[in-house]
Amino acid sequence: MIEETLYALLQDTLDISVQQNTISEDKASPYCWFQRRSTVQDVFLDGTKSNLLEAFFDVEICGNSAVNSQAQTLRNALNGYRTSPIAGIFISDQSDDYQFKNMDADEGFHVAAISLRIFYYEG
């Protein structure tokens, strides 16, 4: 699964805790959180499915400090990244209307929100 591959890449790239889908209560700050937003599998005109898929992930780096440097480290390491089964990772900032998924209101956290577009082969 692409989630396990991405989890390993994030852990290897960042020197902070990585959380998938849910945030543990005893998380250290800063931390990285990610969740799959959607997946698209192309279907050819004859009805057969392609083994190349496109997945979108939301990534948030949260903490009291160092979030921008961690986000830049992530961008530098993974933008354009390719290795089997990943055909390519493309990174962009989230849109202005993006709603943070794991921000507690009064904690005073900084958040760097990133969107990952990953093309990968399955099967």
PDB file of N, CA and C in Angstrom:
ATOM      1  N   MET A   1       0.829  -1.188   0.000  1.00  0.00           N
ATOM      2  CA  MET A   1       0.000   0.000   0.000  1.00  0.00           C
ATOM      3  C   MET A   1       0.873   1.250   0.000  1.00  0.00           C
ATOM      4  N   ILE A   2       0.371   2.261  -0.649  1.00  0.00           N
ATOM      5  CA  ILE A   2       1.121   3.501  -0.777  1.00  0.00           C
ATOM      6  C   ILE A   2       1.259   4.224   0.560  1.00  0.00           C
ATOM      7  N   GLU A   3       0.301   4.040   1.479  1.00  0.00           N
ATOM      8  CA  GLU A   3       0.396   4.693   2.791  1.00  0.00           C
ATOM      9  C   GLU A   3       1.639   4.252   3.558  1.00  0.00           C
ATOM     10  N   GLU A   4       1.935   2.947   3.536  1.00  0.00           N
ATOM     11  CA  GLU A   4       3.111   2.438   4.236  1.00  0.00           C
ATOM     12  C   GLU A   4       4.390   2.984   3.616  1.00  0.00           C
ATOM     13  N   THR A   5       4.418   3.072   2.305  1.00  0.00           N
ATOM     14  CA  THR A   5       5.586   3.613   1.609  1.00  0.00           C
ATOM     15  C   THR A   5       5.783   5.083   1.957  1.00  0.00           C
ATOM     16  N   LEU A   6       4.695   5.853   1.947  1.00  0.00           N
ATOM     17  CA  LEU A   6       4.791   7.265   2.285  1.00  0.00           C
ATOM     18  C   LEU A   6       5.185   7.454   3.743  1.00  0.00           C
ATOM     19  N   TYR A   7       4.640   6.653   4.634  1.00  0.00           N
ATOM     20  CA  TYR A   7       4.989   6.732   6.058  1.00  0.00           C
ATOM     21  C   TYR A   7       6.496   6.537   6.237  1.00  0.00           C
ATOM     22  N   ALA A   8       7.041   5.529   5.582  1.00  0.00           N
ATOM     23  CA  ALA A   8       8.484   5.268   5.684  1.00  0.00           C
ATOM     24  C   ALA A   8       9.302   6.426   5.107  1.00  0.00           C
ATOM     25  N   LEU A   9       8.859   6.983   3.983  1.00  0.00           N
ATOM     26  CA  LEU A   9       9.565   8.122   3.388  1.00  0.00           C
ATOM     27  C   LEU A   9       9.554   9.332   4.314  1.00  0.00           C
ATOM     28  N   LEU A  10       8.409   9.613   4.919  1.00  0.00           N
ATOM     29  CA  LEU A  10       8.319  10.753   5.833  1.00  0.00           C
ATOM     30  C   LEU A  10       9.196  10.541   7.062  1.00  0.00           C
ATOM     31  N   GLN A  11       9.216   9.331   7.591  1.00  0.00           N
ATOM     32  CA  GLN A  11      10.062   9.051   8.752  1.00  0.00           C
ATOM     33  C   GLN A  11      11.543   9.180   8.415  1.00  0.00           C
ATOM     34  N   ASP A  12      11.925   8.738   7.213  1.00  0.00           N
ATOM     35  CA  ASP A  12      13.325   8.832   6.801  1.00  0.00           C
ATOM     36  C   ASP A  12      13.738  10.270   6.506  1.00  0.00           C
ATOM     37  N   THR A  13      12.795  11.093   6.048  1.00  0.00           N
ATOM     38  CA  THR A  13      13.097  12.462   5.636  1.00  0.00           C
ATOM     39  C   THR A  13      13.098  13.438   6.796  1.00  0.00           C
ATOM     40  N   LEU A  14      12.146  13.290   7.704  1.00  0.00           N
ATOM     41  CA  LEU A  14      11.970  14.253   8.791  1.00  0.00           C
ATOM     42  C   LEU A  14      12.523  13.699  10.095  1.00  0.00           C
ATOM     43  N   ASP A  15      12.979  14.573  10.953  1.00  0.00           N
ATOM     44  CA  ASP A  15      13.468  14.126  12.255  1.00  0.00           C
ATOM     45  C   ASP A  15      12.463  14.440  13.362  1.00  0.00           C
ATOM     46  N   ILE A  16      11.176  14.320  13.014  1.00  0.00           N
ATOM     47  CA  ILE A  16      10.092  14.532  13.963  1.00  0.00           C
ATOM     48  C   ILE A  16       9.136  13.344  13.884  1.00  0.00           C
ATOM     49  N   SER A  17       8.242  13.251  14.841  1.00  0.00           N
ATOM     50  CA  SER A  17       7.257  12.175  14.888  1.00  0.00           C
ATOM     51  C   SER A  17       6.318  12.257  13.681  1.00  0.00           C
ATOM     52  N   VAL A  18       5.968  11.109  13.112  1.00  0.00           N
ATOM     53  CA  VAL A  18       5.040  11.043  11.976  1.00  0.00           C
ATOM     54  C   VAL A  18       3.788  10.304  12.428  1.00  0.00           C
ATOM     55  N   GLN A  19       2.625  10.889  12.155  1.00  0.00           N
ATOM     56  CA  GLN A  19       1.334  10.322  12.532  1.00  0.00           C
ATOM     57  C   GLN A  19       0.499  10.142  11.264  1.00  0.00           C
ATOM     58  N   GLN A  20      -0.210   9.021  11.170  1.00  0.00           N
ATOM     59  CA  GLN A  20      -1.082   8.772  10.025  1.00  0.00           C
ATOM     60  C   GLN A  20      -2.526   8.713  10.486  1.00  0.00           C
ATOM     61  N   ASN A  21      -3.380   9.504   9.847  1.00  0.00           N
ATOM     62  CA  ASN A  21      -4.826   9.543  10.044  1.00  0.00           C
ATOM     63  C   ASN A  21      -5.250  10.098  11.401  1.00  0.00           C
ATOM     64  N   THR A  22      -4.770   9.556  12.493  1.00  0.00           N
ATOM     65  CA  THR A  22      -5.133  10.054  13.818  1.00  0.00           C
ATOM     66  C   THR A  22      -3.883  10.519  14.551  1.00  0.00           C
ATOM     67  N   ILE A  23      -4.074  11.371  15.532  1.00  0.00           N
ATOM     68  CA  ILE A  23      -2.959  11.912  16.302  1.00  0.00           C
ATOM     69  C   ILE A  23      -3.010  11.305  17.698  1.00  0.00           C
ATOM     70  N   SER A  24      -1.906  10.740  18.154  1.00  0.00           N
ATOM     71  CA  SER A  24      -1.886  10.181  19.502  1.00  0.00           C
ATOM     72  C   SER A  24      -1.877  11.317  20.529  1.00  0.00           C
ATOM     73  N   GLU A  25      -2.425  11.058  21.684  1.00  0.00           N
ATOM     74  CA  GLU A  25      -2.518  12.088  22.722  1.00  0.00           C
ATOM     75  C   GLU A  25      -1.169  12.451  23.300  1.00  0.00           C
ATOM     76  N   ASP A  26      -0.211  11.538  23.252  1.00  0.00           N
ATOM     77  CA  ASP A  26       1.104  11.807  23.814  1.00  0.00           C
ATOM     78  C   ASP A  26       2.126  12.199  22.737  1.00  0.00           C
ATOM     79  N   LYS A  27       1.633  12.865  21.696  1.00  0.00           N
ATOM     80  CA  LYS A  27       2.501  13.265  20.589  1.00  0.00           C
ATOM     81  C   LYS A  27       3.543  14.281  21.060  1.00  0.00           C
ATOM     82  N   ALA A  28       4.702  14.199  20.452  1.00  0.00           N
ATOM     83  CA  ALA A  28       5.743  15.191  20.705  1.00  0.00           C
ATOM     84  C   ALA A  28       5.574  16.332  19.706  1.00  0.00           C
ATOM     85  N   SER A  29       6.004  17.489  20.075  1.00  0.00           N
ATOM     86  CA  SER A  29       5.899  18.643  19.182  1.00  0.00           C
ATOM     87  C   SER A  29       7.307  19.072  18.784  1.00  0.00           C
ATOM     88  N   PRO A  30       7.547  19.355  17.523  1.00  0.00           N
ATOM     89  CA  PRO A  30       6.628  19.319  16.391  1.00  0.00           C
ATOM     90  C   PRO A  30       6.397  17.890  15.894  1.00  0.00           C
ATOM     91  N   TYR A  31       5.365  17.741  15.072  1.00  0.00           N
ATOM     92  CA  TYR A  31       5.054  16.441  14.494  1.00  0.00           C
ATOM     93  C   TYR A  31       4.508  16.626  13.085  1.00  0.00           C
ATOM     94  N   CYS A  32       4.529  15.533  12.329  1.00  0.00           N
ATOM     95  CA  CYS A  32       3.999  15.518  10.967  1.00  0.00           C
ATOM     96  C   CYS A  32       2.794  14.587  10.951  1.00  0.00           C
ATOM     97  N   TRP A  33       1.712  15.049  10.348  1.00  0.00           N
ATOM     98  CA  TRP A  33       0.485  14.264  10.220  1.00  0.00           C
ATOM     99  C   TRP A  33       0.146  14.169   8.740  1.00  0.00           C
ATOM    100  N   PHE A  34      -0.316  12.993   8.286  1.00  0.00           N
ATOM    101  CA  PHE A  34      -0.763  12.878   6.894  1.00  0.00           C
ATOM    102  C   PHE A  34      -1.970  11.976   6.788  1.00  0.00           C
ATOM    103  N   GLN A  35      -2.749  12.212   5.713  1.00  0.00           N
ATOM    104  CA  GLN A  35      -3.957  11.429   5.447  1.00  0.00           C
ATOM    105  C   GLN A  35      -4.233  11.449   3.948  1.00  0.00           C
ATOM    106  N   ARG A  36      -4.657  10.297   3.436  1.00  0.00           N
ATOM    107  CA  ARG A  36      -5.029  10.223   2.015  1.00  0.00           C
ATOM    108  C   ARG A  36      -6.334  10.981   1.811  1.00  0.00           C
ATOM    109  N   ARG A  37      -6.351  11.847   0.796  1.00  0.00           N
ATOM    110  CA  ARG A  37      -7.549  12.605   0.461  1.00  0.00           C
ATOM    111  C   ARG A  37      -8.363  11.883  -0.606  1.00  0.00           C
ATOM    112  N   SER A  38      -7.701  11.409  -1.650  1.00  0.00           N
ATOM    113  CA  SER A  38      -8.417  10.713  -2.717  1.00  0.00           C
ATOM    114  C   SER A  38      -7.440   9.906  -3.568  1.00  0.00           C
ATOM    115  N   THR A  39      -7.998   8.983  -4.339  1.00  0.00           N
ATOM    116  CA  THR A  39      -7.214   8.170  -5.270  1.00  0.00           C
ATOM    117  C   THR A  39      -7.979   8.057  -6.584  1.00  0.00           C
ATOM    118  N   VAL A  40      -7.248   8.110  -7.683  1.00  0.00           N
ATOM    119  CA  VAL A  40      -7.845   7.986  -9.013  1.00  0.00           C
ATOM    120  C   VAL A  40      -7.106   6.880  -9.760  1.00  0.00           C
ATOM    121  N   GLN A  41      -7.874   5.967 -10.335  1.00  0.00           N
ATOM    122  CA  GLN A  41      -7.292   4.935 -11.180  1.00  0.00           C
ATOM    123  C   GLN A  41      -7.852   5.114 -12.580  1.00  0.00           C
ATOM    124  N   ASP A  42      -6.962   5.273 -13.544  1.00  0.00           N
ATOM    125  CA  ASP A  42      -7.403   5.461 -14.923  1.00  0.00           C
ATOM    126  C   ASP A  42      -7.999   4.178 -15.477  1.00  0.00           C
ATOM    127  N   VAL A  43      -9.011   4.345 -16.316  1.00  0.00           N
ATOM    128  CA  VAL A  43      -9.645   3.227 -17.005  1.00  0.00           C
ATOM    129  C   VAL A  43      -9.559   3.523 -18.498  1.00  0.00           C
ATOM    130  N   PHE A  44      -9.054   2.545 -19.261  1.00  0.00           N
ATOM    131  CA  PHE A  44      -8.930   2.720 -20.696  1.00  0.00           C
ATOM    132  C   PHE A  44     -10.300   2.628 -21.362  1.00  0.00           C
ATOM    133  N   LEU A  45     -10.394   3.066 -22.608  1.00  0.00           N
ATOM    134  CA  LEU A  45     -11.666   3.079 -23.318  1.00  0.00           C
ATOM    135  C   LEU A  45     -12.261   1.686 -23.491  1.00  0.00           C
ATOM    136  N   ASP A  46     -11.422   0.652 -23.468  1.00  0.00           N
ATOM    137  CA  ASP A  46     -11.956  -0.709 -23.584  1.00  0.00           C
ATOM    138  C   ASP A  46     -12.406  -1.276 -22.238  1.00  0.00           C
ATOM    139  N   GLY A  47     -12.314  -0.475 -21.160  1.00  0.00           N
ATOM    140  CA  GLY A  47     -12.790  -0.884 -19.853  1.00  0.00           C
ATOM    141  C   GLY A  47     -11.734  -1.480 -18.936  1.00  0.00           C
ATOM    142  N   THR A  48     -10.540  -1.730 -19.452  1.00  0.00           N
ATOM    143  CA  THR A  48      -9.496  -2.275 -18.584  1.00  0.00           C
ATOM    144  C   THR A  48      -8.905  -1.163 -17.720  1.00  0.00           C
ATOM    145  N   LYS A  49      -8.505  -1.545 -16.513  1.00  0.00           N
ATOM    146  CA  LYS A  49      -7.957  -0.575 -15.576  1.00  0.00           C
ATOM    147  C   LYS A  49      -6.444  -0.508 -15.716  1.00  0.00           C
ATOM    148  N   SER A  50      -5.928   0.686 -15.626  1.00  0.00           N
ATOM    149  CA  SER A  50      -4.490   0.908 -15.641  1.00  0.00           C
ATOM    150  C   SER A  50      -3.918   0.521 -14.285  1.00  0.00           C
ATOM    151  N   ASN A  51      -2.658   0.103 -14.257  1.00  0.00           N
ATOM    152  CA  ASN A  51      -2.041  -0.175 -12.966  1.00  0.00           C
ATOM    153  C   ASN A  51      -1.323   1.060 -12.407  1.00  0.00           C
ATOM    154  N   LEU A  52      -1.452   2.201 -13.084  1.00  0.00           N
ATOM    155  CA  LEU A  52      -0.921   3.466 -12.593  1.00  0.00           C
ATOM    156  C   LEU A  52      -2.043   4.223 -11.886  1.00  0.00           C
ATOM    157  N   LEU A  53      -1.817   4.541 -10.620  1.00  0.00           N
ATOM    158  CA  LEU A  53      -2.806   5.262  -9.822  1.00  0.00           C
ATOM    159  C   LEU A  53      -2.262   6.620  -9.424  1.00  0.00           C
ATOM    160  N   GLU A  54      -3.170   7.529  -9.112  1.00  0.00           N
ATOM    161  CA  GLU A  54      -2.819   8.868  -8.667  1.00  0.00           C
ATOM    162  C   GLU A  54      -3.503   9.090  -7.315  1.00  0.00           C
ATOM    163  N   ALA A  55      -2.718   9.390  -6.287  1.00  0.00           N
ATOM    164  CA  ALA A  55      -3.260   9.604  -4.951  1.00  0.00           C
ATOM    165  C   ALA A  55      -2.890  11.000  -4.473  1.00  0.00           C
ATOM    166  N   PHE A  56      -3.800  11.599  -3.724  1.00  0.00           N
ATOM    167  CA  PHE A  56      -3.571  12.914  -3.133  1.00  0.00           C
ATOM    168  C   PHE A  56      -3.554  12.757  -1.619  1.00  0.00           C
ATOM    169  N   PHE A  57      -2.563  13.366  -0.976  1.00  0.00           N
ATOM    170  CA  PHE A  57      -2.426  13.314   0.472  1.00  0.00           C
ATOM    171  C   PHE A  57      -2.330  14.726   1.035  1.00  0.00           C
ATOM    172  N   ASP A  58      -2.968  14.922   2.184  1.00  0.00           N
ATOM    173  CA  ASP A  58      -2.792  16.146   2.965  1.00  0.00           C
ATOM    174  C   ASP A  58      -1.709  15.861   3.987  1.00  0.00           C
ATOM    175  N   VAL A  59      -0.752  16.778   4.097  1.00  0.00           N
ATOM    176  CA  VAL A  59       0.322  16.662   5.073  1.00  0.00           C
ATOM    177  C   VAL A  59       0.362  17.963   5.862  1.00  0.00           C
ATOM    178  N   GLU A  60       0.389  17.835   7.175  1.00  0.00           N
ATOM    179  CA  GLU A  60       0.511  19.008   8.039  1.00  0.00           C
ATOM    180  C   GLU A  60       1.692  18.802   8.974  1.00  0.00           C
ATOM    181  N   ILE A  61       2.545  19.798   9.055  1.00  0.00           N
ATOM    182  CA  ILE A  61       3.633  19.801  10.027  1.00  0.00           C
ATOM    183  C   ILE A  61       3.259  20.829  11.075  1.00  0.00           C
ATOM    184  N   CYS A  62       3.080  20.376  12.313  1.00  0.00           N
ATOM    185  CA  CYS A  62       2.537  21.214  13.384  1.00  0.00           C
ATOM    186  C   CYS A  62       3.527  21.294  14.532  1.00  0.00           C
ATOM    187  N   GLY A  63       3.551  22.445  15.177  1.00  0.00           N
ATOM    188  CA  GLY A  63       4.390  22.595  16.356  1.00  0.00           C
ATOM    189  C   GLY A  63       4.532  24.040  16.765  1.00  0.00           C
ATOM    190  N   ASN A  64       5.230  24.239  17.860  1.00  0.00           N
ATOM    191  CA  ASN A  64       5.468  25.590  18.349  1.00  0.00           C
ATOM    192  C   ASN A  64       6.579  26.283  17.578  1.00  0.00           C
ATOM    193  N   SER A  65       7.459  25.517  16.981  1.00  0.00           N
ATOM    194  CA  SER A  65       8.568  26.088  16.216  1.00  0.00           C
ATOM    195  C   SER A  65       9.064  25.059  15.214  1.00  0.00           C
ATOM    196  N   ALA A  66       9.947  25.475  14.361  1.00  0.00           N
ATOM    197  CA  ALA A  66      10.638  24.606  13.398  1.00  0.00           C
ATOM    198  C   ALA A  66       9.742  23.991  12.331  1.00  0.00           C
ATOM    199  N   VAL A  67       8.504  24.430  12.196  1.00  0.00           N
ATOM    200  CA  VAL A  67       7.645  23.800  11.191  1.00  0.00           C
ATOM    201  C   VAL A  67       8.059  24.200   9.772  1.00  0.00           C
ATOM    202  N   ASN A  68       8.474  25.442   9.577  1.00  0.00           N
ATOM    203  CA  ASN A  68       8.855  25.868   8.229  1.00  0.00           C
ATOM    204  C   ASN A  68      10.126  25.177   7.754  1.00  0.00           C
ATOM    205  N   SER A  69      11.087  24.973   8.635  1.00  0.00           N
ATOM    206  CA  SER A  69      12.315  24.289   8.229  1.00  0.00           C
ATOM    207  C   SER A  69      12.037  22.815   7.931  1.00  0.00           C
ATOM    208  N   GLN A  70      11.169  22.181   8.722  1.00  0.00           N
ATOM    209  CA  GLN A  70      10.804  20.790   8.449  1.00  0.00           C
ATOM    210  C   GLN A  70      10.030  20.679   7.131  1.00  0.00           C
ATOM    211  N   ALA A  71       9.144  21.648   6.876  1.00  0.00           N
ATOM    212  CA  ALA A  71       8.379  21.639   5.622  1.00  0.00           C
ATOM    213  C   ALA A  71       9.313  21.822   4.426  1.00  0.00           C
ATOM    214  N   GLN A  72      10.304  22.686   4.552  1.00  0.00           N
ATOM    215  CA  GLN A  72      11.257  22.891   3.459  1.00  0.00           C
ATOM    216  C   GLN A  72      12.110  21.645   3.239  1.00  0.00           C
ATOM    217  N   THR A  73      12.492  20.982   4.312  1.00  0.00           N
ATOM    218  CA  THR A  73      13.224  19.719   4.194  1.00  0.00           C
ATOM    219  C   THR A  73      12.395  18.693   3.430  1.00  0.00           C
ATOM    220  N   LEU A  74      11.115  18.614   3.749  1.00  0.00           N
ATOM    221  CA  LEU A  74      10.213  17.692   3.063  1.00  0.00           C
ATOM    222  C   LEU A  74      10.103  18.035   1.577  1.00  0.00           C
ATOM    223  N   ARG A  75       9.914  19.315   1.273  1.00  0.00           N
ATOM    224  CA  ARG A  75       9.810  19.742  -0.134  1.00  0.00           C
ATOM    225  C   ARG A  75      11.079  19.389  -0.910  1.00  0.00           C
ATOM    226  N   ASN A  76      12.235  19.699  -0.334  1.00  0.00           N
ATOM    227  CA  ASN A  76      13.502  19.460  -1.022  1.00  0.00           C
ATOM    228  C   ASN A  76      13.753  17.980  -1.264  1.00  0.00           C
ATOM    229  N   ALA A  77      13.371  17.142  -0.313  1.00  0.00           N
ATOM    230  CA  ALA A  77      13.659  15.712  -0.421  1.00  0.00           C
ATOM    231  C   ALA A  77      12.684  14.967  -1.321  1.00  0.00           C
ATOM    232  N   LEU A  78      11.406  15.327  -1.286  1.00  0.00           N
ATOM    233  CA  LEU A  78      10.402  14.491  -1.956  1.00  0.00           C
ATOM    234  C   LEU A  78       9.824  15.065  -3.245  1.00  0.00           C
ATOM    235  N   ASN A  79       9.984  16.344  -3.528  1.00  0.00           N
ATOM    236  CA  ASN A  79       9.426  16.886  -4.775  1.00  0.00           C
ATOM    237  C   ASN A  79      10.204  16.312  -5.962  1.00  0.00           C
ATOM    238  N   GLY A  80       9.515  15.573  -6.810  1.00  0.00           N
ATOM    239  CA  GLY A  80      10.148  14.911  -7.951  1.00  0.00           C
ATOM    240  C   GLY A  80      10.726  13.548  -7.620  1.00  0.00           C
ATOM    241  N   TYR A  81      10.502  13.066  -6.413  1.00  0.00           N
ATOM    242  CA  TYR A  81      11.039  11.776  -5.967  1.00  0.00           C
ATOM    243  C   TYR A  81      10.453  10.636  -6.791  1.00  0.00           C
ATOM    244  N   ARG A  82      11.310   9.672  -7.155  1.00  0.00           N
ATOM    245  CA  ARG A  82      10.869   8.499  -7.918  1.00  0.00           C
ATOM    246  C   ARG A  82      11.638   7.278  -7.474  1.00  0.00           C
ATOM    247  N   THR A  83      10.942   6.223  -7.215  1.00  0.00           N
ATOM    248  CA  THR A  83      11.514   4.895  -6.993  1.00  0.00           C
ATOM    249  C   THR A  83      10.345   3.919  -6.984  1.00  0.00           C
ATOM    250  N   SER A  84      10.593   2.693  -7.361  1.00  0.00           N
ATOM    251  CA  SER A  84       9.517   1.715  -7.440  1.00  0.00           C
ATOM    252  C   SER A  84       8.877   1.516  -6.071  1.00  0.00           C
ATOM    253  N   PRO A  85       7.580   1.520  -5.939  1.00  0.00           N
ATOM    254  CA  PRO A  85       6.517   1.597  -6.944  1.00  0.00           C
ATOM    255  C   PRO A  85       6.084   3.025  -7.287  1.00  0.00           C
ATOM    256  N   ILE A  86       6.795   4.027  -6.771  1.00  0.00           N
ATOM    257  CA  ILE A  86       6.393   5.419  -6.978  1.00  0.00           C
ATOM    258  C   ILE A  86       6.936   5.935  -8.305  1.00  0.00           C
ATOM    259  N   ALA A  87       6.030   6.396  -9.171  1.00  0.00           N
ATOM    260  CA  ALA A  87       6.422   6.968 -10.450  1.00  0.00           C
ATOM    261  C   ALA A  87       6.795   8.434 -10.307  1.00  0.00           C
ATOM    262  N   GLY A  88       6.265   9.089  -9.274  1.00  0.00           N
ATOM    263  CA  GLY A  88       6.619  10.486  -9.035  1.00  0.00           C
ATOM    264  C   GLY A  88       5.808  11.083  -7.906  1.00  0.00           C
ATOM    265  N   ILE A  89       6.469  11.935  -7.112  1.00  0.00           N
ATOM    266  CA  ILE A  89       5.796  12.698  -6.057  1.00  0.00           C
ATOM    267  C   ILE A  89       5.928  14.167  -6.415  1.00  0.00           C
ATOM    268  N   PHE A  90       4.824  14.886  -6.333  1.00  0.00           N
ATOM    269  CA  PHE A  90       4.813  16.313  -6.632  1.00  0.00           C
ATOM    270  C   PHE A  90       4.190  17.046  -5.457  1.00  0.00           C
ATOM    271  N   ILE A  91       4.865  18.075  -4.986  1.00  0.00           N
ATOM    272  CA  ILE A  91       4.479  18.771  -3.771  1.00  0.00           C
ATOM    273  C   ILE A  91       4.042  20.184  -4.088  1.00  0.00           C
ATOM    274  N   SER A  92       2.959  20.600  -3.437  1.00  0.00           N
ATOM    275  CA  SER A  92       2.516  21.993  -3.541  1.00  0.00           C
ATOM    276  C   SER A  92       1.948  22.422  -2.192  1.00  0.00           C
ATOM    277  N   ASP A  93       1.867  23.727  -1.987  1.00  0.00           N
ATOM    278  CA  ASP A  93       1.223  24.239  -0.786  1.00  0.00           C
ATOM    279  C   ASP A  93      -0.273  24.026  -0.899  1.00  0.00           C
ATOM    280  N   GLN A  94      -0.930  23.916   0.225  1.00  0.00           N
ATOM    281  CA  GLN A  94      -2.384  23.800   0.217  1.00  0.00           C
ATOM    282  C   GLN A  94      -2.993  25.117  -0.259  1.00  0.00           C
ATOM    283  N   SER A  95      -4.220  25.049  -0.745  1.00  0.00           N
ATOM    284  CA  SER A  95      -4.912  26.250  -1.196  1.00  0.00           C
ATOM    285  C   SER A  95      -5.259  27.140  -0.002  1.00  0.00           C
ATOM    286  N   ASP A  96      -5.575  28.385  -0.271  1.00  0.00           N
ATOM    287  CA  ASP A  96      -5.870  29.351   0.785  1.00  0.00           C
ATOM    288  C   ASP A  96      -7.100  28.968   1.610  1.00  0.00           C
ATOM    289  N   ASP A  97      -8.033  28.211   1.027  1.00  0.00           N
ATOM    290  CA  ASP A  97      -9.241  27.847   1.766  1.00  0.00           C
ATOM    291  C   ASP A  97      -9.122  26.486   2.469  1.00  0.00           C
ATOM    292  N   TYR A  98      -7.917  25.955   2.546  1.00  0.00           N
ATOM    293  CA  TYR A  98      -7.690  24.676   3.219  1.00  0.00           C
ATOM    294  C   TYR A  98      -7.974  24.805   4.716  1.00  0.00           C
ATOM    295  N   GLN A  99      -8.738  23.867   5.255  1.00  0.00           N
ATOM    296  CA  GLN A  99      -9.053  23.834   6.679  1.00  0.00           C
ATOM    297  C   GLN A  99      -8.128  22.819   7.369  1.00  0.00           C
ATOM    298  N   PHE A 100      -7.356  23.283   8.335  1.00  0.00           N
ATOM    299  CA  PHE A 100      -6.449  22.390   9.037  1.00  0.00           C
ATOM    300  C   PHE A 100      -7.228  21.281   9.725  1.00  0.00           C
ATOM    301  N   LYS A 101      -6.720  20.067   9.639  1.00  0.00           N
ATOM    302  CA  LYS A 101      -7.443  18.911  10.148  1.00  0.00           C
ATOM    303  C   LYS A 101      -7.178  18.634  11.619  1.00  0.00           C
ATOM    304  N   ASN A 102      -6.010  19.002  12.138  1.00  0.00           N
ATOM    305  CA  ASN A 102      -5.682  18.579  13.495  1.00  0.00           C
ATOM    306  C   ASN A 102      -5.160  19.713  14.351  1.00  0.00           C
ATOM    307  N   MET A 103      -5.731  20.859  14.186  1.00  0.00           N
ATOM    308  CA  MET A 103      -5.279  22.035  14.920  1.00  0.00           C
ATOM    309  C   MET A 103      -6.198  22.280  16.114  1.00  0.00           C
ATOM    310  N   ASP A 104      -5.650  22.214  17.313  1.00  0.00           N
ATOM    311  CA  ASP A 104      -6.415  22.576  18.497  1.00  0.00           C
ATOM    312  C   ASP A 104      -6.417  24.096  18.620  1.00  0.00           C
ATOM    313  N   ALA A 105      -7.542  24.661  18.955  1.00  0.00           N
ATOM    314  CA  ALA A 105      -7.762  26.104  18.850  1.00  0.00           C
ATOM    315  C   ALA A 105      -6.793  26.957  19.655  1.00  0.00           C
ATOM    316  N   ASP A 106      -6.526  26.611  20.888  1.00  0.00           N
ATOM    317  CA  ASP A 106      -5.778  27.515  21.749  1.00  0.00           C
ATOM    318  C   ASP A 106      -4.367  27.052  22.066  1.00  0.00           C
ATOM    319  N   GLU A 107      -3.814  26.172  21.281  1.00  0.00           N
ATOM    320  CA  GLU A 107      -2.485  25.672  21.584  1.00  0.00           C
ATOM    321  C   GLU A 107      -1.381  26.573  21.064  1.00  0.00           C
ATOM    322  N   GLY A 108      -1.670  27.508  20.181  1.00  0.00           N
ATOM    323  CA  GLY A 108      -0.657  28.399  19.652  1.00  0.00           C
ATOM    324  C   GLY A 108       0.299  27.736  18.680  1.00  0.00           C
ATOM    325  N   PHE A 109      -0.139  26.670  18.033  1.00  0.00           N
ATOM    326  CA  PHE A 109       0.710  25.953  17.086  1.00  0.00           C
ATOM    327  C   PHE A 109       0.845  26.709  15.775  1.00  0.00           C
ATOM    328  N   HIS A 110       1.981  26.491  15.133  1.00  0.00           N
ATOM    329  CA  HIS A 110       2.186  26.891  13.747  1.00  0.00           C
ATOM    330  C   HIS A 110       1.930  25.640  12.901  1.00  0.00           C
ATOM    331  N   VAL A 111       1.400  25.835  11.710  1.00  0.00           N
ATOM    332  CA  VAL A 111       1.123  24.707  10.828  1.00  0.00           C
ATOM    333  C   VAL A 111       1.617  25.026   9.432  1.00  0.00           C
ATOM    334  N   ALA A 112       2.362  24.092   8.847  1.00  0.00           N
ATOM    335  CA  ALA A 112       2.727  24.153   7.436  1.00  0.00           C
ATOM    336  C   ALA A 112       1.904  23.074   6.741  1.00  0.00           C
ATOM    337  N   ALA A 113       1.005  23.477   5.869  1.00  0.00           N
ATOM    338  CA  ALA A 113       0.112  22.536   5.188  1.00  0.00           C
ATOM    339  C   ALA A 113       0.594  22.308   3.764  1.00  0.00           C
ATOM    340  N   ILE A 114       0.753  21.053   3.407  1.00  0.00           N
ATOM    341  CA  ILE A 114       1.325  20.663   2.120  1.00  0.00           C
ATOM    342  C   ILE A 114       0.397  19.646   1.461  1.00  0.00           C
ATOM    343  N   SER A 115       0.337  19.694   0.152  1.00  0.00           N
ATOM    344  CA  SER A 115      -0.417  18.715  -0.618  1.00  0.00           C
ATOM    345  C   SER A 115       0.560  17.860  -1.426  1.00  0.00           C
ATOM    346  N   LEU A 116       0.412  16.544  -1.330  1.00  0.00           N
ATOM    347  CA  LEU A 116       1.233  15.624  -2.110  1.00  0.00           C
ATOM    348  C   LEU A 116       0.378  14.981  -3.192  1.00  0.00           C
ATOM    349  N   ARG A 117       0.900  14.948  -4.376  1.00  0.00           N
ATOM    350  CA  ARG A 117       0.272  14.238  -5.495  1.00  0.00           C
ATOM    351  C   ARG A 117       1.244  13.135  -5.879  1.00  0.00           C
ATOM    352  N   ILE A 118       0.813  11.897  -5.699  1.00  0.00           N
ATOM    353  CA  ILE A 118       1.702  10.757  -5.902  1.00  0.00           C
ATOM    354  C   ILE A 118       1.145   9.864  -7.006  1.00  0.00           C
ATOM    355  N   PHE A 119       1.978   9.624  -8.011  1.00  0.00           N
ATOM    356  CA  PHE A 119       1.657   8.634  -9.040  1.00  0.00           C
ATOM    357  C   PHE A 119       2.410   7.362  -8.669  1.00  0.00           C
ATOM    358  N   TYR A 120       1.702   6.227  -8.644  1.00  0.00           N
ATOM    359  CA  TYR A 120       2.350   4.978  -8.250  1.00  0.00           C
ATOM    360  C   TYR A 120       1.718   3.796  -8.973  1.00  0.00           C
ATOM    361  N   TYR A 121       2.503   2.713  -9.035  1.00  0.00           N
ATOM    362  CA  TYR A 121       2.058   1.484  -9.685  1.00  0.00           C
ATOM    363  C   TYR A 121       1.558   0.509  -8.627  1.00  0.00           C
ATOM    364  N   GLU A 122       0.452  -0.158  -8.935  1.00  0.00           N
ATOM    365  CA  GLU A 122      -0.101  -1.153  -8.040  1.00  0.00           C
ATOM    366  C   GLU A 122      -0.277  -2.449  -8.797  1.00  0.00           C
ATOM    367  N   GLY A 123       0.080  -3.527  -8.141  1.00  0.00           N
ATOM    368  CA  GLY A 123      -0.142  -4.829  -8.747  1.00  0.00           C
ATOM    369  C   GLY A 123       0.971  -5.379  -9.545  1.00  0.00           C
TER     370      GLY A 123
END
